[in-house]
Protein backbone atom coordinates (compact mmCIF):
# COMPACT_ATOMS: atom_id res chain seq x y z
CA MET A 1 73.13 77.12 121.46
CA ALA A 2 72.90 80.58 121.98
CA ARG A 3 70.69 82.38 124.76
CA ILE A 4 70.01 86.20 124.53
CA PHE A 5 68.12 87.91 127.16
CA THR A 6 66.51 91.62 127.37
CA ALA A 7 64.70 93.29 129.59
CA GLY A 8 61.63 93.44 127.42
CA GLY A 9 61.84 89.78 126.17
CA TRP A 10 63.55 88.11 123.19
CA TRP A 11 64.65 90.31 120.62
CA GLY A 12 66.61 90.08 117.25
CA ALA A 13 70.14 90.24 118.12
CA LEU A 14 73.34 91.32 116.84
CA ILE A 15 76.24 88.81 118.30
CA PRO A 16 80.05 89.77 117.25
CA PHE A 17 82.44 87.23 116.49
CA ALA A 18 85.92 88.24 115.40
CA ILE A 19 88.18 86.14 113.04
CA LEU A 20 91.62 87.73 112.49
CA GLY A 21 90.04 90.44 114.79
CA ALA A 22 87.19 91.16 112.64
CA VAL A 23 84.67 88.39 112.32
CA LEU A 24 81.26 88.77 113.19
CA ILE A 25 78.49 86.63 113.65
CA ALA A 26 74.87 87.99 112.91
CA ILE A 27 71.77 86.38 114.49
CA LEU A 28 68.79 88.37 113.05
CA ARG A 29 65.05 88.11 113.40
CA SER A 30 62.91 88.21 110.62
CA THR A 31 59.41 88.30 110.03
CA SER A 32 56.91 87.26 107.39
CA GLY A 33 54.90 90.39 107.17
CA PRO A 34 53.68 93.61 108.80
CA GLU A 35 52.24 91.69 111.68
CA PRO A 36 54.97 90.27 114.50
CA SER A 37 55.41 86.82 113.74
CA PRO A 38 54.98 84.57 117.02
CA THR A 39 57.84 82.51 116.06
CA PRO A 40 61.12 84.13 115.05
CA VAL A 41 63.25 82.56 112.47
CA ALA A 42 67.02 82.97 113.01
CA ALA A 43 69.71 83.11 110.54
CA THR A 44 73.63 82.96 111.49
CA VAL A 45 76.05 84.32 109.37
CA PHE A 46 79.61 85.18 109.28
CA VAL A 47 80.82 88.38 108.14
CA PRO A 48 85.02 88.36 107.91
CA ALA A 49 86.85 91.12 107.25
CA PHE A 50 90.61 90.18 106.75
CA GLU A 51 93.91 92.24 106.47
CA ARG A 52 96.56 91.63 104.01
CA LEU A 53 94.96 88.20 102.65
CA PRO A 54 96.74 87.40 99.29
CA PRO A 55 95.21 86.27 96.25
CA VAL A 56 95.34 82.55 95.22
CA SER A 57 96.75 81.94 91.81
CA SER A 58 94.81 79.02 90.42
CA GLY A 59 93.41 78.29 94.05
CA HIS A 60 90.83 79.88 96.78
CA TYR A 61 90.36 79.89 100.47
CA GLU A 62 88.26 78.22 102.76
CA LEU A 63 87.37 78.28 106.37
CA TRP A 64 86.92 75.14 108.54
CA PHE A 65 85.75 74.42 112.08
CA GLU A 66 86.98 71.59 114.17
CA HIS A 67 85.10 70.88 117.41
CA PRO A 68 86.67 69.47 120.53
CA ASP A 69 84.52 66.00 120.06
CA GLY A 70 86.28 65.55 116.54
CA GLY A 71 83.29 67.04 114.31
CA ALA A 72 84.41 68.93 111.65
CA GLY A 73 83.16 70.82 108.53
CA ARG A 74 83.29 73.97 106.16
CA VAL A 75 82.18 77.40 107.11
CA ALA A 76 82.70 79.38 104.09
CA ALA A 77 84.48 78.88 100.36
CA PHE A 78 85.98 82.34 98.96
CA THR A 79 88.41 84.20 96.71
CA VAL A 80 90.39 87.23 97.59
CA LEU A 81 90.96 90.21 95.11
CA PRO A 82 94.38 92.17 95.31
CA GLY A 83 92.59 95.10 96.88
CA GLY A 84 91.21 92.62 99.50
CA ALA A 85 87.59 92.14 98.51
CA LEU A 86 86.05 88.61 98.76
CA PHE A 87 84.08 86.98 96.22
CA THR A 88 82.18 83.31 96.21
CA LEU A 89 83.61 80.78 93.92
CA THR A 90 81.05 81.60 91.43
CA GLY A 91 82.33 85.09 91.03
CA GLU A 92 79.64 87.20 93.26
CA PRO A 93 80.74 89.66 95.61
CA VAL A 94 80.12 88.31 99.14
CA GLN A 95 80.22 90.32 102.44
CA ASP A 96 78.75 87.34 104.70
CA PHE A 97 78.53 83.58 104.67
CA PRO A 98 75.43 81.52 106.12
CA VAL A 99 76.28 79.42 108.83
CA THR A 100 74.32 76.15 109.59
CA GLU A 101 75.83 75.09 112.61
CA LEU A 102 77.36 77.50 115.46
CA SER A 103 80.51 75.96 116.81
CA PRO A 104 80.79 75.50 120.46
CA PRO A 105 83.53 76.92 122.65
CA GLY A 106 86.82 75.28 122.25
CA SER A 107 86.52 74.77 118.55
CA VAL A 108 89.38 75.52 116.26
CA LEU A 109 88.98 77.65 113.11
CA LEU A 110 91.28 77.24 110.33
CA LEU A 111 91.85 79.28 107.17
CA THR A 112 93.16 76.80 104.35
CA VAL A 113 94.64 77.39 100.83
CA GLU A 114 92.83 74.84 98.59
CA GLN A 115 93.38 74.25 94.89
CA GLY A 116 91.04 75.02 91.84
CA SER A 117 87.62 76.92 91.96
CA ALA A 118 85.38 74.15 93.25
CA PRO A 119 85.01 73.36 96.92
CA SER A 120 87.23 70.87 98.03
CA GLU A 121 86.19 67.47 99.35
CA LYS A 122 87.87 67.53 102.38
CA ARG A 123 90.29 69.88 104.25
CA SER A 124 94.00 70.32 102.71
CA ALA A 125 97.06 70.29 105.05
CA ARG A 126 97.60 74.04 103.58
CA VAL A 127 96.82 75.66 106.96
CA LEU A 128 97.46 79.41 106.83
CA LEU A 129 95.78 81.21 109.74
CA ARG A 130 94.57 79.28 113.23
CA GLY A 131 92.44 80.31 115.92
CA THR A 132 90.73 79.10 118.94
CA LEU A 133 86.82 79.83 119.93
CA SER A 134 86.69 80.54 123.43
CA GLY A 135 84.51 83.77 123.55
CA PRO A 136 82.99 86.46 121.31
CA GLU A 137 86.39 87.45 119.59
CA VAL A 138 88.80 84.84 117.72
CA MET A 139 92.36 85.99 116.93
CA PHE A 140 94.08 84.07 114.40
CA GLU A 141 97.79 83.63 114.20
CA PRO A 142 99.59 82.72 110.79
CA VAL A 143 100.73 79.19 110.81
CA LEU A 144 104.13 79.71 108.91
CA PRO A 145 107.48 77.82 109.19
CA SER A 146 110.25 79.74 111.09
CA SER A 147 112.50 81.70 108.97
CA SER A 148 115.32 81.98 111.84
CA GLY A 149 118.58 81.49 111.02
CA LYS A 150 121.17 82.90 108.44
CA HIS A 151 119.97 82.61 104.96
CA VAL A 152 122.53 83.44 101.94
CA ALA A 153 122.82 83.66 98.68
CA THR A 154 125.66 84.39 95.95
CA LEU A 155 125.98 85.94 92.48
CA VAL A 156 127.23 83.30 90.28
CA ALA A 157 126.10 82.05 86.53
CA PRO A 158 127.02 78.44 86.35
CA THR A 159 124.94 77.74 83.28
CA ASP A 160 126.78 79.67 81.05
CA PRO A 161 130.86 80.01 81.34
CA GLY A 162 130.20 83.17 78.89
CA ALA A 163 128.12 85.30 81.00
CA PRO A 164 129.17 87.43 83.76
CA ASP A 165 128.51 85.95 87.14
CA THR A 166 126.55 89.14 88.18
CA THR A 167 123.49 87.67 85.91
CA GLY A 168 122.96 84.80 88.34
CA VAL A 169 121.51 84.24 91.79
CA TRP A 170 122.06 81.14 93.74
CA PHE A 171 121.16 80.09 97.40
CA ILE A 172 124.42 78.58 98.45
CA ARG A 173 127.44 79.16 100.93
CA PRO A 174 130.85 78.06 100.43
CA ALA A 175 131.79 74.56 102.12
CA GLY A 176 135.51 74.15 102.71
CA ASP A 177 138.10 74.35 99.86
CA LYS A 178 138.07 73.39 95.73
CA GLY A 179 134.84 75.41 95.23
CA LYS A 180 132.18 73.08 97.08
CA THR A 181 128.77 74.68 98.51
CA SER A 182 126.13 73.91 100.62
CA ALA A 183 122.61 75.03 100.80
CA GLY A 184 122.44 78.68 101.44
CA LEU A 185 118.90 78.29 102.81
CA GLN A 186 118.42 77.10 106.31
CA LEU A 187 114.78 77.15 106.50
CA PRO A 188 112.63 74.04 107.76
CA SER A 189 110.70 71.74 105.68
CA PRO A 190 107.53 73.90 104.42
CA GLY A 191 104.95 71.15 105.72
CA SER A 192 102.34 69.11 103.56
CA GLY A 193 100.77 70.89 100.81
CA TRP A 194 103.57 74.00 100.72
CA ALA A 195 106.67 74.90 98.87
CA TYR A 196 109.11 77.48 98.91
CA GLY A 197 109.35 80.18 96.17
CA ALA A 198 112.19 82.57 94.96
CA PHE A 199 111.98 85.62 92.85
CA VAL A 200 113.85 88.45 91.61
CA THR A 201 112.31 91.93 91.11
CA THR A 202 114.19 94.23 88.87
CA SER A 203 114.84 97.74 89.26
CA ALA A 204 111.77 98.70 86.93
CA GLY A 205 109.31 96.22 89.08
CA THR A 206 109.25 93.28 86.51
CA VAL A 207 108.96 90.04 88.87
CA LEU A 208 110.90 87.19 87.43
CA PRO A 209 110.55 83.51 88.85
CA VAL A 210 113.66 81.73 90.31
CA GLY A 211 111.94 78.52 90.95
CA ILE A 212 109.53 76.53 93.13
CA PHE A 213 111.25 74.17 95.69
CA PRO A 214 109.80 71.85 98.56
CA ASP A 215 113.39 71.27 99.76
CA PRO A 216 115.30 74.25 100.36
CA LYS A 217 118.45 71.90 100.00
CA LYS A 218 117.97 70.83 96.72
CA ALA A 219 117.58 72.38 92.81
CA ASP A 220 114.38 73.65 91.95
CA ALA A 221 112.81 72.64 88.74
CA HIS A 222 112.72 76.08 86.97
CA ALA A 223 115.50 76.60 84.65
CA ALA A 224 113.41 79.04 82.09
CA PHE A 225 116.06 81.87 81.86
CA SER A 226 119.22 80.11 82.60
CA GLY A 227 121.99 78.73 79.89
CA GLU A 228 122.66 75.61 78.50
CA LYS A 229 124.89 73.93 81.11
CA LYS A 230 123.44 72.16 84.48
CA GLY A 231 122.84 74.45 87.33
CA LEU A 232 124.06 73.68 90.90
CA PRO A 233 122.07 71.47 93.40
CA PHE A 234 120.32 73.93 94.95
CA PRO A 235 117.76 76.64 94.31
CA GLY A 236 118.83 79.31 91.77
CA GLU A 237 118.63 80.95 88.27
CA ASP A 238 121.01 82.69 85.81
CA PHE A 239 118.84 85.24 83.70
CA ILE A 240 120.82 84.96 80.46
CA ARG A 241 117.84 83.61 77.97
CA ASN A 242 114.44 83.94 76.98
CA PRO A 243 113.84 87.66 78.81
CA PRO A 244 110.32 88.74 79.17
CA GLU A 245 108.91 91.44 77.11
CA GLY A 246 110.66 94.59 78.33
CA VAL A 247 113.56 93.07 80.18
CA LYS A 248 117.07 93.06 78.92
CA PHE A 249 119.34 89.86 79.39
CA PRO A 250 121.88 89.03 80.76
CA LEU A 251 120.37 90.89 83.83
CA ASN A 252 122.60 92.65 86.26
CA LEU A 253 121.69 91.89 89.72
CA ALA A 254 124.25 94.38 91.34
CA ASP A 255 122.91 97.23 90.17
CA GLY A 256 121.66 98.29 93.67
CA ARG A 257 117.91 98.19 92.66
CA THR A 258 117.27 94.60 92.42
CA THR A 259 115.37 92.74 94.94
CA VAL A 260 115.45 88.75 95.78
CA THR A 261 112.53 87.16 97.82
CA VAL A 262 111.92 83.90 99.11
CA SER A 263 108.09 83.14 99.71
CA LEU A 264 105.80 80.24 100.87
CA GLU A 265 103.67 78.73 98.02
CA PRO A 266 101.01 76.44 97.56
CA ASP A 267 102.59 73.36 96.05
CA PHE A 268 100.09 73.40 93.26
CA ALA A 269 101.70 77.16 92.32
CA GLY A 270 102.69 77.18 88.63
CA ASP A 271 103.63 80.35 86.75
CA ILE A 272 102.85 82.61 89.44
CA PRO A 273 103.18 86.49 88.75
CA GLU A 274 104.53 87.37 91.94
CA PRO A 275 105.41 85.83 95.55
CA PHE A 276 102.61 84.63 97.70
CA LEU A 277 103.75 85.04 101.12
CA PRO A 278 107.20 86.72 101.19
CA LEU A 279 109.29 85.15 104.28
CA LEU A 280 113.00 86.53 103.26
CA SER A 281 113.87 89.62 101.23
CA LEU A 282 116.91 91.69 100.40
CA ARG A 283 117.94 94.62 97.83
CA ILE A 284 121.17 93.13 96.49
CA PRO A 285 123.71 95.44 97.30
CA TYR A 286 125.48 97.63 94.83
CA GLN A 287 128.08 96.33 93.02
CA GLN A 288 127.82 93.03 94.98
CA LYS A 289 131.09 90.94 94.33
CA PRO A 290 130.32 87.77 92.75
CA GLY A 291 131.03 84.14 94.76
CA GLU A 292 130.68 86.21 97.87
CA ILE A 293 127.73 85.49 99.90
CA PHE A 294 125.25 87.85 101.09
CA ALA A 295 122.11 87.68 103.75
CA LEU A 296 118.86 87.63 103.33
CA SER A 297 116.52 89.52 106.10
CA ALA A 298 113.35 87.57 107.86
CA VAL A 299 110.22 89.84 106.57
CA SER A 300 108.10 91.67 109.25
CA SER A 301 105.48 90.01 110.82
CA ASP A 302 103.54 92.91 110.38
CA THR A 303 103.19 91.91 106.40
CA PHE A 304 101.31 88.64 107.39
CA PRO A 305 97.74 88.10 106.86
CA ARG A 306 95.26 88.38 110.11
């Protein structure tokens, strides 16, 4: 319950309430005609303004609350365009969302990624942002797996003995003698509902998927560009066959203008055009020697949604 006092009595009021630094709750007074209404009718809405919130391929966002006493519910469901504009799930532009219940202090607000184009029956485990309601502003923090540690990759093309090794990238590191390898990514489990993805961006700006993998220590299921032979038991891809339009294979990944990225992805991600939320990235060094590792750098937190 909200109580608002002014020197002249009760009036319509606008209460700021920030999510990600910029979500407002407006409590507006309305009247039914030109004469003052003796009984004001209150309408409560959330007015969110997000920064760097990426679009969700084959999915959407939902905002949820969880009360300290255990109650929970949905506040809003929406999609985001590349420019940041919000739309309802029916495709209408939207700037605010009606709220039927005002969450009490101590409530947790969660922004989740949900599959499909219809509101989910219950909240998924894919929490992207989290904040606690303790005042007029709620600052959300990204809920992301740690990217600390040394993450490396190697140029090698194991799926085609006749292809140059500079046409393949695999997230491996040497492990002793006799050509043994171990996992090159030291990322933790991404958590329920999430997976990791890897991508190569060519000098011309074309984004090519390496694969989606829930476990960075096991192979991904993608091999659309690799050769006929079996790949390594870790994430990776050889860019040898089936090139997209405008791209020439075998790809030279050591041209000094190609970037490799590891990202966080919803586990329902399929043929996605680009990384959802980059975590690690590196422009592969010019004339990088095949078989020698190169380290990926953690992406700045300034690029994350808020």
